[in-house]
């Protein structure tokens, strides 16, 4: 998005024109040819091109729009024309950003400047341009149809930004799942520890090899809180022992507390996870385990070098 510094920086209760037209003079394309007999005729052609551009600019100004966003370039002449009339403009706006603005502020993306009216113009309560770091951003606030917002992530390295974006996306999806499904459970490994405790108790009622299988599943569930402790740099063995004690005493919502480096009631601390996410995770893990157990035999692929000729017997080499 190209924005010149001569543009105003802030508007209130404004109208927005979303365009898909060029507002600059460019060389003719498609092998256009104009034949003239004298300089006056050439000057008429040049004047006509300028007049077409100024007619477009005049139509946009008369529409009442204060912010003009275009997918195609906006030249210096048009930028200065808008700036003289206290209007903001930006050219080469990505199509995705243009559609996002249209969805939030209303209006429509127009391919002509002659049909601009209130029905095709977007509107919002506040528009301002702010510089964050080395980049300038345009902020639309109080949009008429806005149901979303933009989150600006900044960091020192691209890897940190990608990791932050993934974590933020996961958090948003969890909140979305929670809103759509009203059932939640305590997070921080609390539900896994409670399931592990219940399976251990159940395994003691089974005679035979099945007891070992149920015990193995119970042990596998403890990997989640253990991994949480390892990621936070805690003593996983110490915290898991505390969690086993708490769950044995009936405190089923106790899980890993990252802030205190201990275990606490995560349901009371509002550390929740959608129940549907836990169900899907357990189902996927069970299906993966069943798939591995259903394998009766494996075939090893020989190495590429094994198919060569046999090595000859050298001096001192036994037969």
Protein backbone atom coordinates (compact mmCIF):
# COMPACT_ATOMS: atom_id res chain seq x y z
CA UNK A 1 0.00 0.00 0.00
CA UNK A 2 1.48 3.35 -1.07
CA UNK A 3 0.67 6.41 1.06
CA UNK A 4 2.26 9.85 0.73
CA UNK A 5 3.20 11.98 3.74
CA UNK A 6 1.13 14.93 2.49
CA UNK A 7 -2.07 13.06 3.32
CA UNK A 8 -4.03 14.05 6.44
CA UNK A 9 -3.65 11.58 9.31
CA UNK A 10 -7.01 11.55 11.12
CA UNK A 11 -10.74 11.77 10.32
CA UNK A 12 -13.97 11.32 12.27
CA UNK A 13 -17.39 10.22 10.94
CA UNK A 14 -15.99 9.73 7.46
CA UNK A 15 -16.99 8.10 4.19
CA UNK A 16 -14.71 5.67 2.37
CA UNK A 17 -14.44 5.16 -1.40
CA UNK A 18 -13.17 1.72 -2.45
CA UNK A 19 -11.97 1.76 -6.06
CA UNK A 20 -10.45 -0.50 -8.65
CA UNK A 21 -9.34 2.18 -11.12
CA UNK A 22 -6.06 3.91 -11.97
CA UNK A 23 -5.77 7.55 -11.02
CA UNK A 24 -2.60 8.46 -12.89
CA UNK A 25 -1.46 9.21 -16.44
CA UNK A 26 0.34 6.31 -18.08
CA UNK A 27 1.55 5.40 -21.53
CA UNK A 28 -1.09 3.81 -23.75
CA UNK A 29 -1.18 0.04 -23.81
CA UNK A 30 -2.25 -2.54 -26.39
CA UNK A 31 -0.22 -0.84 -29.14
CA UNK A 32 -2.47 2.22 -29.26
CA UNK A 33 -1.60 4.64 -32.05
CA UNK A 34 -2.62 8.28 -32.45
CA UNK A 35 -1.90 10.16 -35.68
CA UNK A 36 -1.77 13.94 -35.61
CA UNK A 37 -0.93 16.51 -38.26
CA UNK A 38 0.32 19.33 -36.06
CA UNK A 39 1.29 20.26 -32.53
CA UNK A 40 -2.14 21.70 -31.69
CA UNK A 41 -3.86 18.36 -32.33
CA UNK A 42 -1.31 16.61 -30.12
CA UNK A 43 -1.93 19.18 -27.42
CA UNK A 44 -5.66 18.47 -27.66
CA UNK A 45 -4.99 14.77 -27.06
CA UNK A 46 -2.85 15.55 -24.02
CA UNK A 47 -5.44 17.99 -22.68
CA UNK A 48 -8.17 15.37 -23.15
CA UNK A 49 -6.18 12.83 -21.11
CA UNK A 50 -5.71 15.35 -18.33
CA UNK A 51 -9.38 16.28 -18.47
CA UNK A 52 -10.42 12.62 -18.13
CA UNK A 53 -8.22 12.27 -15.05
CA UNK A 54 -9.51 15.49 -13.48
CA UNK A 55 -13.12 14.45 -14.20
CA UNK A 56 -12.53 11.23 -12.24
CA UNK A 57 -10.94 13.12 -9.37
CA UNK A 58 -13.75 15.69 -9.34
CA UNK A 59 -16.39 12.93 -9.22
CA UNK A 60 -14.65 11.33 -6.24
CA UNK A 61 -14.43 14.65 -4.39
CA UNK A 62 -18.11 15.45 -5.03
CA UNK A 63 -19.16 12.02 -3.70
CA UNK A 64 -18.27 13.20 -0.19
CA UNK A 65 -15.62 10.54 0.44
CA UNK A 66 -12.77 11.57 2.71
CA UNK A 67 -10.70 8.38 2.39
CA UNK A 68 -9.94 6.87 -1.03
CA UNK A 69 -8.49 3.37 -1.30
CA UNK A 70 -7.67 1.89 -4.70
CA UNK A 71 -6.36 -1.48 -5.78
CA UNK A 72 -4.55 0.19 -8.70
CA UNK A 73 -1.93 2.97 -8.57
CA UNK A 74 -2.74 6.54 -7.55
CA UNK A 75 -0.31 9.01 -9.11
CA UNK A 76 1.34 12.06 -7.61
CA UNK A 77 -1.09 14.43 -9.34
CA UNK A 78 -4.12 12.67 -7.86
CA UNK A 79 -2.48 12.44 -4.44
CA UNK A 80 -1.76 16.16 -4.38
CA UNK A 81 -5.27 16.88 -5.70
CA UNK A 82 -6.82 14.95 -2.78
CA UNK A 83 -4.40 16.41 -0.23
CA UNK A 84 -5.33 19.97 -1.28
CA UNK A 85 -8.95 19.08 -0.50
CA UNK A 86 -8.16 17.49 2.88
CA UNK A 87 -8.64 13.92 1.65
CA UNK A 88 -6.62 10.76 2.33
CA UNK A 89 -5.72 8.33 -0.46
CA UNK A 90 -3.76 5.10 -0.79
CA UNK A 91 -2.96 3.18 -3.96
CA UNK A 92 -1.92 -0.40 -4.69
CA UNK A 93 -3.97 -1.65 -1.75
CA UNK A 94 -3.93 -5.49 -1.72
CA UNK A 95 -7.22 -6.99 -2.83
CA UNK A 96 -7.56 -8.92 0.43
CA UNK A 97 -7.23 -5.72 2.49
CA UNK A 98 -9.72 -3.95 0.22
CA UNK A 99 -12.30 -6.72 0.69
CA UNK A 100 -11.67 -6.73 4.43
CA UNK A 101 -12.31 -2.99 4.61
CA UNK A 102 -15.46 -3.38 2.53
CA UNK A 103 -16.74 -6.12 4.83
CA UNK A 104 -16.11 -4.05 7.95
CA UNK A 105 -17.11 -0.58 6.74
CA UNK A 106 -19.72 -1.45 4.13
CA UNK A 107 -19.90 -0.09 0.60
CA UNK A 108 -18.66 -1.71 -2.60
CA UNK A 109 -15.52 -1.82 -4.72
CA UNK A 110 -16.25 0.38 -7.74
CA UNK A 111 -14.65 0.13 -11.19
CA UNK A 112 -15.79 3.62 -12.21
CA UNK A 113 -15.82 7.02 -10.55
CA UNK A 114 -19.08 8.17 -12.16
CA UNK A 115 -21.50 6.19 -9.97
CA UNK A 116 -20.22 7.05 -6.51
CA UNK A 117 -23.00 7.72 -3.99
CA UNK A 118 -23.79 7.02 -0.35
CA UNK A 119 -25.02 3.48 -1.10
CA UNK A 120 -21.59 2.36 -2.37
CA UNK A 121 -19.45 4.30 0.11
CA UNK A 122 -18.26 2.76 3.35
CA UNK A 123 -18.26 4.61 6.64
CA UNK A 124 -16.71 4.46 10.10
CA UNK A 125 -16.43 6.66 13.15
CA UNK A 126 -12.66 7.14 13.20
CA UNK A 127 -9.80 6.75 10.74
CA UNK A 128 -6.20 7.46 11.62
CA UNK A 129 -2.75 6.63 10.34
CA UNK A 130 -0.14 5.70 12.94
CA UNK A 131 3.48 4.67 12.62
CA UNK A 132 4.47 1.55 14.54
CA UNK A 133 8.16 0.83 14.34
CA UNK A 134 9.29 1.41 10.77
CA UNK A 135 5.88 0.92 9.15
CA UNK A 136 2.73 2.99 8.90
CA UNK A 137 -0.69 1.45 9.51
CA UNK A 138 -4.20 2.68 8.74
CA UNK A 139 -6.71 2.08 11.55
CA UNK A 140 -10.48 2.03 11.04
CA UNK A 141 -12.46 2.26 14.30
CA UNK A 142 -16.20 2.21 14.93
CA UNK A 143 -17.00 0.46 11.65
CA UNK A 144 -20.69 -0.09 10.91
CA UNK A 145 -20.43 -3.80 10.05
CA UNK A 146 -17.30 -4.72 11.98
CA UNK A 147 -17.38 -8.10 13.72
CA UNK A 148 -13.63 -8.63 13.60
CA UNK A 149 -10.47 -6.77 14.54
CA UNK A 150 -6.84 -6.71 13.46
CA UNK A 151 -4.02 -7.78 15.78
CA UNK A 152 -0.58 -6.36 15.00
CA UNK A 153 2.26 -8.69 16.01
CA UNK A 154 5.79 -7.31 16.33
CA UNK A 155 9.03 -9.03 17.24
CA UNK A 156 12.75 -9.03 16.80
CA UNK A 157 12.99 -12.07 14.53
CA UNK A 158 10.80 -13.75 11.94
CA UNK A 159 10.92 -17.07 13.81
CA UNK A 160 9.55 -15.47 16.99
CA UNK A 161 6.75 -13.83 15.03
CA UNK A 162 5.77 -17.11 13.37
CA UNK A 163 5.71 -18.90 16.73
CA UNK A 164 3.67 -16.07 18.27
CA UNK A 165 1.22 -16.18 15.37
CA UNK A 166 0.77 -19.94 15.75
CA UNK A 167 0.20 -19.63 19.50
CA UNK A 168 -2.28 -16.80 19.01
CA UNK A 169 -4.12 -18.77 16.34
CA UNK A 170 -4.36 -21.78 18.66
CA UNK A 171 -5.71 -19.58 21.46
CA UNK A 172 -8.33 -18.02 19.18
CA UNK A 173 -9.45 -21.42 17.90
CA UNK A 174 -9.79 -22.70 21.48
CA UNK A 175 -11.96 -19.72 22.40
CA UNK A 176 -14.02 -20.31 19.26
CA UNK A 177 -14.51 -23.96 20.19
CA UNK A 178 -15.45 -22.99 23.73
CA UNK A 179 -18.13 -20.59 22.51
CA UNK A 180 -19.60 -23.14 20.10
CA UNK A 181 -19.54 -25.99 22.66
CA UNK A 182 -20.72 -25.16 26.16
CA UNK A 183 -18.82 -28.05 27.82
CA UNK A 184 -15.38 -27.21 29.23
CA UNK A 185 -12.85 -28.99 31.43
CA UNK A 186 -9.87 -27.77 33.43
CA UNK A 187 -6.65 -27.36 31.47
CA UNK A 188 -3.03 -27.67 32.49
CA UNK A 189 -3.12 -31.47 32.39
CA UNK A 190 -5.85 -31.71 35.04
CA UNK A 191 -8.24 -33.85 33.00
CA UNK A 192 -5.39 -36.14 31.86
CA UNK A 193 -4.28 -36.71 35.46
CA UNK A 194 -7.85 -37.49 36.54
CA UNK A 195 -8.32 -39.96 33.67
CA UNK A 196 -4.96 -41.55 34.52
CA UNK A 197 -6.00 -41.95 38.15
CA UNK A 198 -9.35 -43.50 37.18
CA UNK A 199 -7.70 -45.94 34.76
CA UNK A 200 -5.13 -47.00 37.37
CA UNK A 201 -7.92 -47.70 39.84
CA UNK A 202 -9.83 -49.63 37.19
CA UNK A 203 -6.77 -51.67 36.17
CA UNK A 204 -6.50 -53.08 39.69
CA UNK A 205 -9.90 -54.71 39.27
CA UNK A 206 -8.77 -56.62 36.16
CA UNK A 207 -6.93 -59.92 36.28
CA UNK A 208 -4.57 -60.92 33.50
CA UNK A 209 -2.61 -59.09 30.84
CA UNK A 210 -5.39 -56.55 30.29
CA UNK A 211 -4.31 -54.93 33.56
CA UNK A 212 -0.95 -54.05 31.97
CA UNK A 213 -2.65 -52.56 28.91
CA UNK A 214 -4.90 -50.29 30.96
CA UNK A 215 -1.94 -49.29 33.11
CA UNK A 216 0.06 -48.38 30.00
CA UNK A 217 -2.74 -46.09 28.81
CA UNK A 218 -2.88 -44.46 32.26
CA UNK A 219 0.87 -43.86 32.17
CA UNK A 220 0.67 -42.40 28.65
CA UNK A 221 -1.90 -39.81 29.77
CA UNK A 222 0.61 -38.41 32.26
CA UNK A 223 2.83 -37.34 29.37
CA UNK A 224 0.70 -34.20 28.86
CA UNK A 225 1.31 -32.62 32.31
CA UNK A 226 4.91 -33.84 32.24
CA UNK A 227 5.49 -32.10 28.91
CA UNK A 228 3.91 -28.91 30.24
CA UNK A 229 6.38 -28.98 33.13
CA UNK A 230 9.32 -29.61 30.80
CA UNK A 231 8.28 -26.74 28.50
CA UNK A 232 8.13 -24.37 31.48
CA UNK A 233 11.42 -25.61 32.93
CA UNK A 234 9.85 -27.09 36.08
CA UNK A 235 10.73 -30.24 38.01
CA UNK A 236 8.26 -32.58 36.32
CA UNK A 237 8.74 -35.47 38.75
CA UNK A 238 8.02 -33.32 41.80
CA UNK A 239 4.90 -31.69 40.32
CA UNK A 240 3.52 -35.01 39.01
CA UNK A 241 3.86 -36.53 42.48
CA UNK A 242 1.90 -33.61 43.91
CA UNK A 243 -0.77 -33.99 41.23
CA UNK A 244 -1.14 -37.71 41.97
CA UNK A 245 -1.62 -36.87 45.65
CA UNK A 246 -4.23 -34.19 44.94
CA UNK A 247 -6.20 -36.38 42.56
CA UNK A 248 -6.08 -39.29 44.99
CA UNK A 249 -7.73 -36.95 47.53
CA UNK A 250 -10.58 -36.19 45.10
CA UNK A 251 -9.31 -32.82 43.81
CA UNK A 252 -10.06 -33.65 40.17
CA UNK A 253 -9.42 -30.15 38.71
CA UNK A 254 -5.84 -29.79 39.94
CA UNK A 255 -3.31 -29.27 37.15
CA UNK A 256 0.01 -27.59 36.38
CA UNK A 257 0.14 -23.93 37.42
CA UNK A 258 2.70 -22.18 35.22
CA UNK A 259 2.61 -18.90 37.16
CA UNK A 260 3.31 -20.44 40.58
CA UNK A 261 5.55 -23.33 39.46
CA UNK A 262 3.24 -25.64 41.36
CA UNK A 263 -0.15 -27.31 41.00
CA UNK A 264 -3.50 -25.64 41.70
CA UNK A 265 -7.23 -25.78 40.95
CA UNK A 266 -7.22 -24.76 37.29
CA UNK A 267 -10.99 -24.73 37.00
CA UNK A 268 -11.18 -22.10 39.72
CA UNK A 269 -8.30 -20.22 38.07
CA UNK A 270 -10.27 -20.11 34.78
CA UNK A 271 -7.77 -22.29 32.91
CA UNK A 272 -10.30 -24.09 30.72
CA UNK A 273 -10.26 -26.16 27.57
CA UNK A 274 -13.21 -27.26 25.40
CA UNK A 275 -14.31 -30.79 26.20
CA UNK A 276 -14.69 -31.53 22.47
CA UNK A 277 -10.96 -30.88 21.96
CA UNK A 278 -10.05 -33.43 24.64
CA UNK A 279 -12.48 -35.97 23.18
CA UNK A 280 -11.00 -35.56 19.71
CA UNK A 281 -7.44 -35.87 21.05
CA UNK A 282 -8.24 -39.07 22.95
CA UNK A 283 -10.06 -40.52 19.94
CA UNK A 284 -7.16 -39.75 17.60
CA UNK A 285 -4.62 -41.21 20.05
CA UNK A 286 -6.68 -44.39 20.48
CA UNK A 287 -7.03 -44.84 16.73
CA UNK A 288 -3.29 -44.35 16.22
CA UNK A 289 -2.49 -46.93 18.92
CA UNK A 290 -4.94 -49.43 17.40
CA UNK A 291 -3.37 -48.89 13.98
CA UNK A 292 0.11 -49.68 15.31
CA UNK A 293 -1.12 -52.74 17.22
CA UNK A 294 -2.87 -54.09 14.12
CA UNK A 295 0.45 -54.41 12.26
CA UNK A 296 1.41 -58.11 12.16
CA UNK A 297 4.64 -57.90 10.21
CA UNK A 298 7.03 -55.29 8.84
CA UNK A 299 9.22 -55.47 5.74
CA UNK A 300 12.61 -53.79 5.82
CA UNK A 301 13.71 -52.04 2.67
CA UNK A 302 17.33 -53.05 1.85
CA UNK A 303 19.91 -50.33 1.49
CA UNK A 304 20.85 -49.10 -1.96
CA UNK A 305 24.43 -50.38 -1.67
CA UNK A 306 23.45 -53.97 -0.82
CA UNK A 307 22.67 -54.88 -4.43
CA UNK A 308 26.26 -54.44 -5.76
CA UNK A 309 28.70 -57.21 -6.71
CA UNK A 310 30.27 -59.23 -3.90
CA UNK A 311 33.57 -58.01 -2.52
CA UNK A 312 36.60 -59.93 -3.86
CA UNK A 313 39.05 -61.85 -1.66
CA UNK A 314 42.21 -59.83 -1.18
CA UNK A 315 45.58 -60.88 0.19
CA UNK A 316 45.26 -62.22 3.68
CA UNK A 317 41.44 -62.23 3.46
CA UNK A 318 39.89 -65.56 4.55
CA UNK A 319 37.64 -67.48 2.18
